[in-house]
Amino acid sequence: MHKKLTLKMDNAAIEAAKSFAKANQTSVSKLVETYFKTLTDNSVSGNRIPGVVGELAGILKGKDADSIQKGCTSRLESKYK
Protein backbone atom coordinates (compact mmCIF):
# COMPACT_ATOMS: atom_id res chain seq x y z
CA MET A 1 0.00 0.00 0.00
CA HIS A 2 1.31 3.43 -0.92
CA LYS A 3 0.49 6.71 0.84
CA LYS A 4 1.30 10.25 -0.11
CA LEU A 5 3.99 12.08 1.90
CA THR A 6 4.74 15.79 1.64
CA LEU A 7 8.28 16.93 2.40
CA LYS A 8 9.64 20.45 2.74
CA MET A 9 13.17 20.75 1.39
CA ASP A 10 15.62 23.28 0.06
CA ASN A 11 15.08 24.00 -3.67
CA ALA A 12 18.66 23.05 -4.53
CA ALA A 13 18.25 19.69 -2.79
CA ILE A 14 15.01 19.04 -4.68
CA GLU A 15 16.58 19.84 -8.04
CA ALA A 16 19.63 17.70 -7.26
CA ALA A 17 17.37 14.81 -6.26
CA LYS A 18 15.34 15.15 -9.46
CA SER A 19 18.49 15.18 -11.59
CA PHE A 20 19.92 12.17 -9.75
CA ALA A 21 16.65 10.26 -10.07
CA LYS A 22 16.41 11.00 -13.79
CA ALA A 23 20.02 9.97 -14.40
CA ASN A 24 19.38 6.69 -12.55
CA GLN A 25 16.00 6.06 -14.20
CA THR A 26 14.01 6.14 -10.98
CA SER A 27 11.78 8.56 -9.12
CA VAL A 28 12.42 10.88 -6.21
CA SER A 29 9.75 8.96 -4.30
CA LYS A 30 11.63 5.70 -4.81
CA LEU A 31 14.90 7.35 -3.71
CA VAL A 32 13.30 8.60 -0.50
CA GLU A 33 11.62 5.23 0.13
CA THR A 34 14.92 3.39 -0.34
CA TYR A 35 16.71 5.86 1.94
CA PHE A 36 14.11 5.47 4.69
CA LYS A 37 14.25 1.69 4.41
CA THR A 38 18.05 1.76 4.64
CA LEU A 39 17.91 3.93 7.75
CA THR A 40 15.31 1.86 9.53
CA ASP A 41 16.68 -1.54 8.50
CA ASN A 42 20.17 -0.64 9.70
CA SER A 43 19.00 0.89 12.97
CA VAL A 44 16.95 -2.21 13.78
CA SER A 45 19.91 -4.49 13.11
CA GLY A 46 22.38 -3.05 15.59
CA ASN A 47 22.47 0.70 14.83
CA ARG A 48 24.77 0.22 11.84
CA ILE A 49 25.79 3.30 9.95
CA PRO A 50 24.95 3.01 6.24
CA GLY A 51 27.52 3.41 3.48
CA VAL A 52 31.28 3.60 3.47
CA VAL A 53 31.45 5.09 6.96
CA GLY A 54 29.55 2.08 8.30
CA GLU A 55 31.92 -0.28 6.51
CA LEU A 56 34.95 1.41 8.07
CA ALA A 57 33.50 1.88 11.54
CA GLY A 58 35.31 -0.22 14.11
CA ILE A 59 38.09 -1.58 11.89
CA LEU A 60 40.73 -0.30 14.31
CA LYS A 61 38.98 -1.59 17.43
CA GLY A 62 41.51 -3.25 19.71
CA LYS A 63 44.48 -1.85 17.77
CA ASP A 64 47.15 0.30 19.37
CA ALA A 65 46.56 3.75 17.85
CA ASP A 66 50.03 5.00 18.83
CA SER A 67 51.84 2.21 16.99
CA ILE A 68 49.64 2.70 13.91
CA GLN A 69 50.38 6.44 13.92
CA LYS A 70 54.12 5.85 14.38
CA GLY A 71 54.12 3.39 11.49
CA CYS A 72 52.31 5.83 9.22
CA THR A 73 54.59 8.66 10.29
CA SER A 74 57.76 6.70 9.61
CA ARG A 75 56.51 5.61 6.16
CA LEU A 76 55.65 9.18 5.23
CA GLU A 77 58.95 10.52 6.55
CA SER A 78 60.93 8.00 4.52
CA LYS A 79 58.80 8.67 1.43
CA TYR A 80 59.25 12.45 1.50
CA LYS A 81 62.91 12.73 2.57
PDB file of N, CA and C in Angstrom:
ATOM      1  N   MET A   1       0.837  -1.175   0.000  1.00  0.00           N
ATOM      2  CA  MET A   1       0.000   0.000   0.000  1.00  0.00           C
ATOM      3  C   MET A   1       0.886   1.244   0.000  1.00  0.00           C
ATOM      4  N   HIS A   2       0.559   2.183  -0.826  1.00  0.00           N
ATOM      5  CA  HIS A   2       1.309   3.430  -0.916  1.00  0.00           C
ATOM      6  C   HIS A   2       0.476   4.574  -0.372  1.00  0.00           C
ATOM      7  N   LYS A   3       1.125   5.497   0.332  1.00  0.00           N
ATOM      8  CA  LYS A   3       0.493   6.711   0.836  1.00  0.00           C
ATOM      9  C   LYS A   3       1.298   7.901   0.364  1.00  0.00           C
ATOM     10  N   LYS A   4       0.641   9.025   0.292  1.00  0.00           N
ATOM     11  CA  LYS A   4       1.303  10.253  -0.110  1.00  0.00           C
ATOM     12  C   LYS A   4       1.995  10.883   1.090  1.00  0.00           C
ATOM     13  N   LEU A   5       3.204  11.409   0.864  1.00  0.00           N
ATOM     14  CA  LEU A   5       3.986  12.080   1.900  1.00  0.00           C
ATOM     15  C   LEU A   5       4.472  13.400   1.331  1.00  0.00           C
ATOM     16  N   THR A   6       4.277  14.468   2.069  1.00  0.00           N
ATOM     17  CA  THR A   6       4.745  15.786   1.643  1.00  0.00           C
ATOM     18  C   THR A   6       5.975  16.152   2.453  1.00  0.00           C
ATOM     19  N   LEU A   7       7.035  16.537   1.755  1.00  0.00           N
ATOM     20  CA  LEU A   7       8.280  16.932   2.402  1.00  0.00           C
ATOM     21  C   LEU A   7       8.600  18.377   2.055  1.00  0.00           C
ATOM     22  N   LYS A   8       9.160  19.099   2.997  1.00  0.00           N
ATOM     23  CA  LYS A   8       9.636  20.452   2.735  1.00  0.00           C
ATOM     24  C   LYS A   8      11.150  20.382   2.706  1.00  0.00           C
ATOM     25  N   MET A   9      11.723  20.820   1.581  1.00  0.00           N
ATOM     26  CA  MET A   9      13.171  20.751   1.394  1.00  0.00           C
ATOM     27  C   MET A   9      13.660  21.991   0.674  1.00  0.00           C
ATOM     28  N   ASP A  10      14.959  22.209   0.768  1.00  0.00           N
ATOM     29  CA  ASP A  10      15.624  23.281   0.059  1.00  0.00           C
ATOM     30  C   ASP A  10      15.483  23.056  -1.450  1.00  0.00           C
ATOM     31  N   ASN A  11      15.256  24.122  -2.212  1.00  0.00           N
ATOM     32  CA  ASN A  11      15.079  23.998  -3.668  1.00  0.00           C
ATOM     33  C   ASN A  11      16.256  23.321  -4.351  1.00  0.00           C
ATOM     34  N   ALA A  12      17.472  23.652  -3.921  1.00  0.00           N
ATOM     35  CA  ALA A  12      18.660  23.051  -4.533  1.00  0.00           C
ATOM     36  C   ALA A  12      18.686  21.544  -4.295  1.00  0.00           C
ATOM     37  N   ALA A  13      18.285  21.122  -3.105  1.00  0.00           N
ATOM     38  CA  ALA A  13      18.252  19.689  -2.792  1.00  0.00           C
ATOM     39  C   ALA A  13      17.205  18.980  -3.646  1.00  0.00           C
ATOM     40  N   ILE A  14      16.085  19.619  -3.854  1.00  0.00           N
ATOM     41  CA  ILE A  14      15.014  19.036  -4.677  1.00  0.00           C
ATOM     42  C   ILE A  14      15.493  18.865  -6.113  1.00  0.00           C
ATOM     43  N   GLU A  15      16.098  19.912  -6.663  1.00  0.00           N
ATOM     44  CA  GLU A  15      16.583  19.840  -8.044  1.00  0.00           C
ATOM     45  C   GLU A  15      17.682  18.794  -8.204  1.00  0.00           C
ATOM     46  N   ALA A  16      18.570  18.716  -7.214  1.00  0.00           N
ATOM     47  CA  ALA A  16      19.629  17.701  -7.265  1.00  0.00           C
ATOM     48  C   ALA A  16      19.034  16.300  -7.210  1.00  0.00           C
ATOM     49  N   ALA A  17      18.027  16.113  -6.366  1.00  0.00           N
ATOM     50  CA  ALA A  17      17.374  14.805  -6.259  1.00  0.00           C
ATOM     51  C   ALA A  17      16.671  14.437  -7.560  1.00  0.00           C
ATOM     52  N   LYS A  18      16.014  15.404  -8.187  1.00  0.00           N
ATOM     53  CA  LYS A  18      15.339  15.145  -9.463  1.00  0.00           C
ATOM     54  C   LYS A  18      16.339  14.770 -10.551  1.00  0.00           C
ATOM     55  N   SER A  19      17.452  15.488 -10.598  1.00  0.00           N
ATOM     56  CA  SER A  19      18.486  15.178 -11.595  1.00  0.00           C
ATOM     57  C   SER A  19      19.078  13.797 -11.363  1.00  0.00           C
ATOM     58  N   PHE A  20      19.360  13.471 -10.101  1.00  0.00           N
ATOM     59  CA  PHE A  20      19.917  12.170  -9.751  1.00  0.00           C
ATOM     60  C   PHE A  20      18.934  11.056 -10.110  1.00  0.00           C
ATOM     61  N   ALA A  21      17.671  11.263  -9.776  1.00  0.00           N
ATOM     62  CA  ALA A  21      16.649  10.261 -10.072  1.00  0.00           C
ATOM     63  C   ALA A  21      16.523  10.035 -11.578  1.00  0.00           C
ATOM     64  N   LYS A  22      16.525  11.118 -12.337  1.00  0.00           N
ATOM     65  CA  LYS A  22      16.408  10.997 -13.789  1.00  0.00           C
ATOM     66  C   LYS A  22      17.614  10.263 -14.376  1.00  0.00           C
ATOM     67  N   ALA A  23      18.799  10.603 -13.903  1.00  0.00           N
ATOM     68  CA  ALA A  23      20.019   9.965 -14.401  1.00  0.00           C
ATOM     69  C   ALA A  23      20.058   8.473 -14.065  1.00  0.00           C
ATOM     70  N   ASN A  24      19.384   8.088 -12.979  1.00  0.00           N
ATOM     71  CA  ASN A  24      19.376   6.695 -12.547  1.00  0.00           C
ATOM     72  C   ASN A  24      18.060   5.993 -12.870  1.00  0.00           C
ATOM     73  N   GLN A  25      17.264   6.615 -13.724  1.00  0.00           N
ATOM     74  CA  GLN A  25      16.003   6.063 -14.202  1.00  0.00           C
ATOM     75  C   GLN A  25      15.110   5.567 -13.070  1.00  0.00           C
ATOM     76  N   THR A  26      14.895   6.445 -12.098  1.00  0.00           N
ATOM     77  CA  THR A  26      14.007   6.142 -10.980  1.00  0.00           C
ATOM     78  C   THR A  26      13.256   7.409 -10.620  1.00  0.00           C
ATOM     79  N   SER A  27      12.520   7.373  -9.545  1.00  0.00           N
ATOM     80  CA  SER A  27      11.777   8.559  -9.120  1.00  0.00           C
ATOM     81  C   SER A  27      12.318   9.057  -7.785  1.00  0.00           C
ATOM     82  N   VAL A  28      12.024  10.313  -7.493  1.00  0.00           N
ATOM     83  CA  VAL A  28      12.422  10.878  -6.210  1.00  0.00           C
ATOM     84  C   VAL A  28      11.717  10.111  -5.087  1.00  0.00           C
ATOM     85  N   SER A  29      10.483   9.735  -5.304  1.00  0.00           N
ATOM     86  CA  SER A  29       9.752   8.962  -4.297  1.00  0.00           C
ATOM     87  C   SER A  29      10.458   7.649  -3.986  1.00  0.00           C
ATOM     88  N   LYS A  30      10.929   6.969  -5.017  1.00  0.00           N
ATOM     89  CA  LYS A  30      11.631   5.703  -4.813  1.00  0.00           C
ATOM     90  C   LYS A  30      12.959   5.928  -4.096  1.00  0.00           C
ATOM     91  N   LEU A  31      13.659   7.022  -4.407  1.00  0.00           N
ATOM     92  CA  LEU A  31      14.898   7.350  -3.711  1.00  0.00           C
ATOM     93  C   LEU A  31      14.647   7.551  -2.215  1.00  0.00           C
ATOM     94  N   VAL A  32      13.617   8.323  -1.896  1.00  0.00           N
ATOM     95  CA  VAL A  32      13.296   8.602  -0.496  1.00  0.00           C
ATOM     96  C   VAL A  32      12.878   7.316   0.213  1.00  0.00           C
ATOM     97  N   GLU A  33      12.059   6.506  -0.461  1.00  0.00           N
ATOM     98  CA  GLU A  33      11.623   5.235   0.127  1.00  0.00           C
ATOM     99  C   GLU A  33      12.819   4.331   0.430  1.00  0.00           C
ATOM    100  N   THR A  34      13.733   4.222  -0.523  1.00  0.00           N
ATOM    101  CA  THR A  34      14.922   3.393  -0.336  1.00  0.00           C
ATOM    102  C   THR A  34      15.774   3.926   0.799  1.00  0.00           C
ATOM    103  N   TYR A  35      15.922   5.233   0.868  1.00  0.00           N
ATOM    104  CA  TYR A  35      16.708   5.859   1.945  1.00  0.00           C
ATOM    105  C   TYR A  35      16.086   5.563   3.303  1.00  0.00           C
ATOM    106  N   PHE A  36      14.781   5.742   3.422  1.00  0.00           N
ATOM    107  CA  PHE A  36      14.109   5.475   4.695  1.00  0.00           C
ATOM    108  C   PHE A  36      14.229   4.008   5.084  1.00  0.00           C
ATOM    109  N   LYS A  37      14.107   3.118   4.116  1.00  0.00           N
ATOM    110  CA  LYS A  37      14.247   1.690   4.409  1.00  0.00           C
ATOM    111  C   LYS A  37      15.658   1.371   4.885  1.00  0.00           C
ATOM    112  N   THR A  38      16.656   1.976   4.248  1.00  0.00           N
ATOM    113  CA  THR A  38      18.045   1.762   4.640  1.00  0.00           C
ATOM    114  C   THR A  38      18.278   2.233   6.069  1.00  0.00           C
ATOM    115  N   LEU A  39      17.762   3.398   6.397  1.00  0.00           N
ATOM    116  CA  LEU A  39      17.914   3.930   7.749  1.00  0.00           C
ATOM    117  C   LEU A  39      17.265   3.029   8.783  1.00  0.00           C
ATOM    118  N   THR A  40      16.036   2.641   8.527  1.00  0.00           N
ATOM    119  CA  THR A  40      15.309   1.860   9.525  1.00  0.00           C
ATOM    120  C   THR A  40      15.796   0.426   9.592  1.00  0.00           C
ATOM    121  N   ASP A  41      16.164  -0.173   8.482  1.00  0.00           N
ATOM    122  CA  ASP A  41      16.683  -1.543   8.495  1.00  0.00           C
ATOM    123  C   ASP A  41      17.989  -1.606   9.261  1.00  0.00           C
ATOM    124  N   ASN A  42      18.874  -0.645   9.035  1.00  0.00           N
ATOM    125  CA  ASN A  42      20.170  -0.638   9.703  1.00  0.00           C
ATOM    126  C   ASN A  42      20.043  -0.327  11.179  1.00  0.00           C
ATOM    127  N   SER A  43      19.124   0.556  11.557  1.00  0.00           N
ATOM    128  CA  SER A  43      19.001   0.890  12.968  1.00  0.00           C
ATOM    129  C   SER A  43      18.400  -0.271  13.749  1.00  0.00           C
ATOM    130  N   VAL A  44      17.546  -1.044  13.111  1.00  0.00           N
ATOM    131  CA  VAL A  44      16.953  -2.206  13.777  1.00  0.00           C
ATOM    132  C   VAL A  44      18.008  -3.286  13.975  1.00  0.00           C
ATOM    133  N   SER A  45      18.907  -3.434  13.016  1.00  0.00           N
ATOM    134  CA  SER A  45      19.913  -4.495  13.106  1.00  0.00           C
ATOM    135  C   SER A  45      21.221  -3.990  13.697  1.00  0.00           C
ATOM    136  N   GLY A  46      21.161  -3.398  14.881  1.00  0.00           N
ATOM    137  CA  GLY A  46      22.384  -3.049  15.589  1.00  0.00           C
ATOM    138  C   GLY A  46      22.895  -1.644  15.378  1.00  0.00           C
ATOM    139  N   ASN A  47      22.050  -0.700  14.989  1.00  0.00           N
ATOM    140  CA  ASN A  47      22.470   0.697  14.826  1.00  0.00           C
ATOM    141  C   ASN A  47      23.650   0.856  13.882  1.00  0.00           C
ATOM    142  N   ARG A  48      23.699   0.100  12.824  1.00  0.00           N
ATOM    143  CA  ARG A  48      24.768   0.215  11.844  1.00  0.00           C
ATOM    144  C   ARG A  48      24.627   1.508  11.083  1.00  0.00           C
ATOM    145  N   ILE A  49      25.747   2.071  10.730  1.00  0.00           N
ATOM    146  CA  ILE A  49      25.788   3.297   9.949  1.00  0.00           C
ATOM    147  C   ILE A  49      25.851   2.893   8.484  1.00  0.00           C
ATOM    148  N   PRO A  50      24.942   3.414   7.640  1.00  0.00           N
ATOM    149  CA  PRO A  50      24.949   3.009   6.238  1.00  0.00           C
ATOM    150  C   PRO A  50      26.129   3.585   5.462  1.00  0.00           C
ATOM    151  N   GLY A  51      26.506   2.911   4.401  1.00  0.00           N
ATOM    152  CA  GLY A  51      27.515   3.411   3.479  1.00  0.00           C
ATOM    153  C   GLY A  51      28.934   3.091   3.875  1.00  0.00           C
ATOM    154  N   VAL A  52      29.852   3.829   3.280  1.00  0.00           N
ATOM    155  CA  VAL A  52      31.285   3.603   3.471  1.00  0.00           C
ATOM    156  C   VAL A  52      31.687   3.820   4.922  1.00  0.00           C
ATOM    157  N   VAL A  53      31.110   4.820   5.564  1.00  0.00           N
ATOM    158  CA  VAL A  53      31.451   5.086   6.965  1.00  0.00           C
ATOM    159  C   VAL A  53      31.093   3.875   7.825  1.00  0.00           C
ATOM    160  N   GLY A  54      29.954   3.269   7.560  1.00  0.00           N
ATOM    161  CA  GLY A  54      29.552   2.079   8.300  1.00  0.00           C
ATOM    162  C   GLY A  54      30.483   0.904   8.058  1.00  0.00           C
ATOM    163  N   GLU A  55      30.984   0.798   6.835  1.00  0.00           N
ATOM    164  CA  GLU A  55      31.917  -0.284   6.515  1.00  0.00           C
ATOM    165  C   GLU A  55      33.246  -0.106   7.241  1.00  0.00           C
ATOM    166  N   LEU A  56      33.667   1.135   7.431  1.00  0.00           N
ATOM    167  CA  LEU A  56      34.952   1.412   8.065  1.00  0.00           C
ATOM    168  C   LEU A  56      34.861   1.500   9.587  1.00  0.00           C
ATOM    169  N   ALA A  57      33.670   1.712  10.101  1.00  0.00           N
ATOM    170  CA  ALA A  57      33.503   1.883  11.544  1.00  0.00           C
ATOM    171  C   ALA A  57      33.974   0.643  12.293  1.00  0.00           C
ATOM    172  N   GLY A  58      34.856   0.855  13.248  1.00  0.00           N
ATOM    173  CA  GLY A  58      35.313  -0.218  14.110  1.00  0.00           C
ATOM    174  C   GLY A  58      36.466  -1.055  13.603  1.00  0.00           C
ATOM    175  N   ILE A  59      37.027  -0.734  12.429  1.00  0.00           N
ATOM    176  CA  ILE A  59      38.093  -1.577  11.892  1.00  0.00           C
ATOM    177  C   ILE A  59      39.375  -1.494  12.707  1.00  0.00           C
ATOM    178  N   LEU A  60      39.528  -0.438  13.491  1.00  0.00           N
ATOM    179  CA  LEU A  60      40.732  -0.299  14.309  1.00  0.00           C
ATOM    180  C   LEU A  60      40.485  -0.676  15.771  1.00  0.00           C
ATOM    181  N   LYS A  61      39.311  -1.221  16.059  1.00  0.00           N
ATOM    182  CA  LYS A  61      38.977  -1.595  17.428  1.00  0.00           C
ATOM    183  C   LYS A  61      39.982  -2.618  17.948  1.00  0.00           C
ATOM    184  N   GLY A  62      40.540  -2.343  19.112  1.00  0.00           N
ATOM    185  CA  GLY A  62      41.514  -3.249  19.708  1.00  0.00           C
ATOM    186  C   GLY A  62      42.934  -3.043  19.204  1.00  0.00           C
ATOM    187  N   LYS A  63      43.140  -2.133  18.289  1.00  0.00           N
ATOM    188  CA  LYS A  63      44.482  -1.845  17.771  1.00  0.00           C
ATOM    189  C   LYS A  63      45.118  -0.737  18.593  1.00  0.00           C
ATOM    190  N   ASP A  64      46.418  -0.735  18.657  1.00  0.00           N
ATOM    191  CA  ASP A  64      47.150   0.305  19.365  1.00  0.00           C
ATOM    192  C   ASP A  64      47.311   1.508  18.435  1.00  0.00           C
ATOM    193  N   ALA A  65      46.566   2.573  18.717  1.00  0.00           N
ATOM    194  CA  ALA A  65      46.557   3.751  17.853  1.00  0.00           C
ATOM    195  C   ALA A  65      47.935   4.395  17.761  1.00  0.00           C
ATOM    196  N   ASP A  66      48.705   4.381  18.857  1.00  0.00           N
ATOM    197  CA  ASP A  66      50.032   5.003  18.834  1.00  0.00           C
ATOM    198  C   ASP A  66      50.966   4.279  17.874  1.00  0.00           C
ATOM    199  N   SER A  67      50.943   2.953  17.891  1.00  0.00           N
ATOM    200  CA  SER A  67      51.838   2.210  16.991  1.00  0.00           C
ATOM    201  C   SER A  67      51.416   2.379  15.532  1.00  0.00           C
ATOM    202  N   ILE A  68      50.122   2.467  15.281  1.00  0.00           N
ATOM    203  CA  ILE A  68      49.642   2.702  13.913  1.00  0.00           C
ATOM    204  C   ILE A  68      50.104   4.068  13.431  1.00  0.00           C
ATOM    205  N   GLN A  69      49.970   5.084  14.289  1.00  0.00           N
ATOM    206  CA  GLN A  69      50.381   6.439  13.919  1.00  0.00           C
ATOM    207  C   GLN A  69      51.886   6.504  13.689  1.00  0.00           C
ATOM    208  N   LYS A  70      52.666   5.850  14.550  1.00  0.00           N
ATOM    209  CA  LYS A  70      54.118   5.848  14.385  1.00  0.00           C
ATOM    210  C   LYS A  70      54.515   5.173  13.079  1.00  0.00           C
ATOM    211  N   GLY A  71      53.840   4.082  12.749  1.00  0.00           N
ATOM    212  CA  GLY A  71      54.123   3.390  11.494  1.00  0.00           C
ATOM    213  C   GLY A  71      53.822   4.252  10.284  1.00  0.00           C
ATOM    214  N   CYS A  72      52.682   4.927  10.330  1.00  0.00           N
ATOM    215  CA  CYS A  72      52.314   5.825   9.221  1.00  0.00           C
ATOM    216  C   CYS A  72      53.300   6.979   9.119  1.00  0.00           C
ATOM    217  N   THR A  73      53.661   7.538  10.267  1.00  0.00           N
ATOM    218  CA  THR A  73      54.592   8.665  10.288  1.00  0.00           C
ATOM    219  C   THR A  73      55.946   8.269   9.708  1.00  0.00           C
ATOM    220  N   SER A  74      56.441   7.118  10.119  1.00  0.00           N
ATOM    221  CA  SER A  74      57.758   6.703   9.613  1.00  0.00           C
ATOM    222  C   SER A  74      57.718   6.421   8.113  1.00  0.00           C
ATOM    223  N   ARG A  75      56.628   5.843   7.613  1.00  0.00           N
ATOM    224  CA  ARG A  75      56.506   5.609   6.165  1.00  0.00           C
ATOM    225  C   ARG A  75      56.481   6.915   5.404  1.00  0.00           C
ATOM    226  N   LEU A  76      55.720   7.885   5.907  1.00  0.00           N
ATOM    227  CA  LEU A  76      55.650   9.176   5.230  1.00  0.00           C
ATOM    228  C   LEU A  76      56.983   9.931   5.296  1.00  0.00           C
ATOM    229  N   GLU A  77      57.656   9.854   6.431  1.00  0.00           N
ATOM    230  CA  GLU A  77      58.951  10.523   6.552  1.00  0.00           C
ATOM    231  C   GLU A  77      59.960   9.944   5.575  1.00  0.00           C
ATOM    232  N   SER A  78      59.975   8.621   5.449  1.00  0.00           N
ATOM    233  CA  SER A  78      60.926   7.997   4.517  1.00  0.00           C
ATOM    234  C   SER A  78      60.548   8.283   3.061  1.00  0.00           C
ATOM    235  N   LYS A  79      59.252   8.395   2.801  1.00  0.00           N
ATOM    236  CA  LYS A  79      58.799   8.673   1.430  1.00  0.00           C
ATOM    237  C   LYS A  79      59.167  10.088   0.990  1.00  0.00           C
ATOM    238  N   TYR A  80      59.069  11.051   1.884  1.00  0.00           N
ATOM    239  CA  TYR A  80      59.252  12.453   1.502  1.00  0.00           C
ATOM    240  C   TYR A  80      60.596  13.036   1.931  1.00  0.00           C
ATOM    241  N   LYS A  81      61.578  12.209   2.243  1.00  0.00           N
ATOM    242  CA  LYS A  81      62.911  12.727   2.570  1.00  0.00           C
ATOM    243  C   LYS A  81      63.687  12.997   1.325  1.00  0.00           C
TER     244      LYS A  81
END
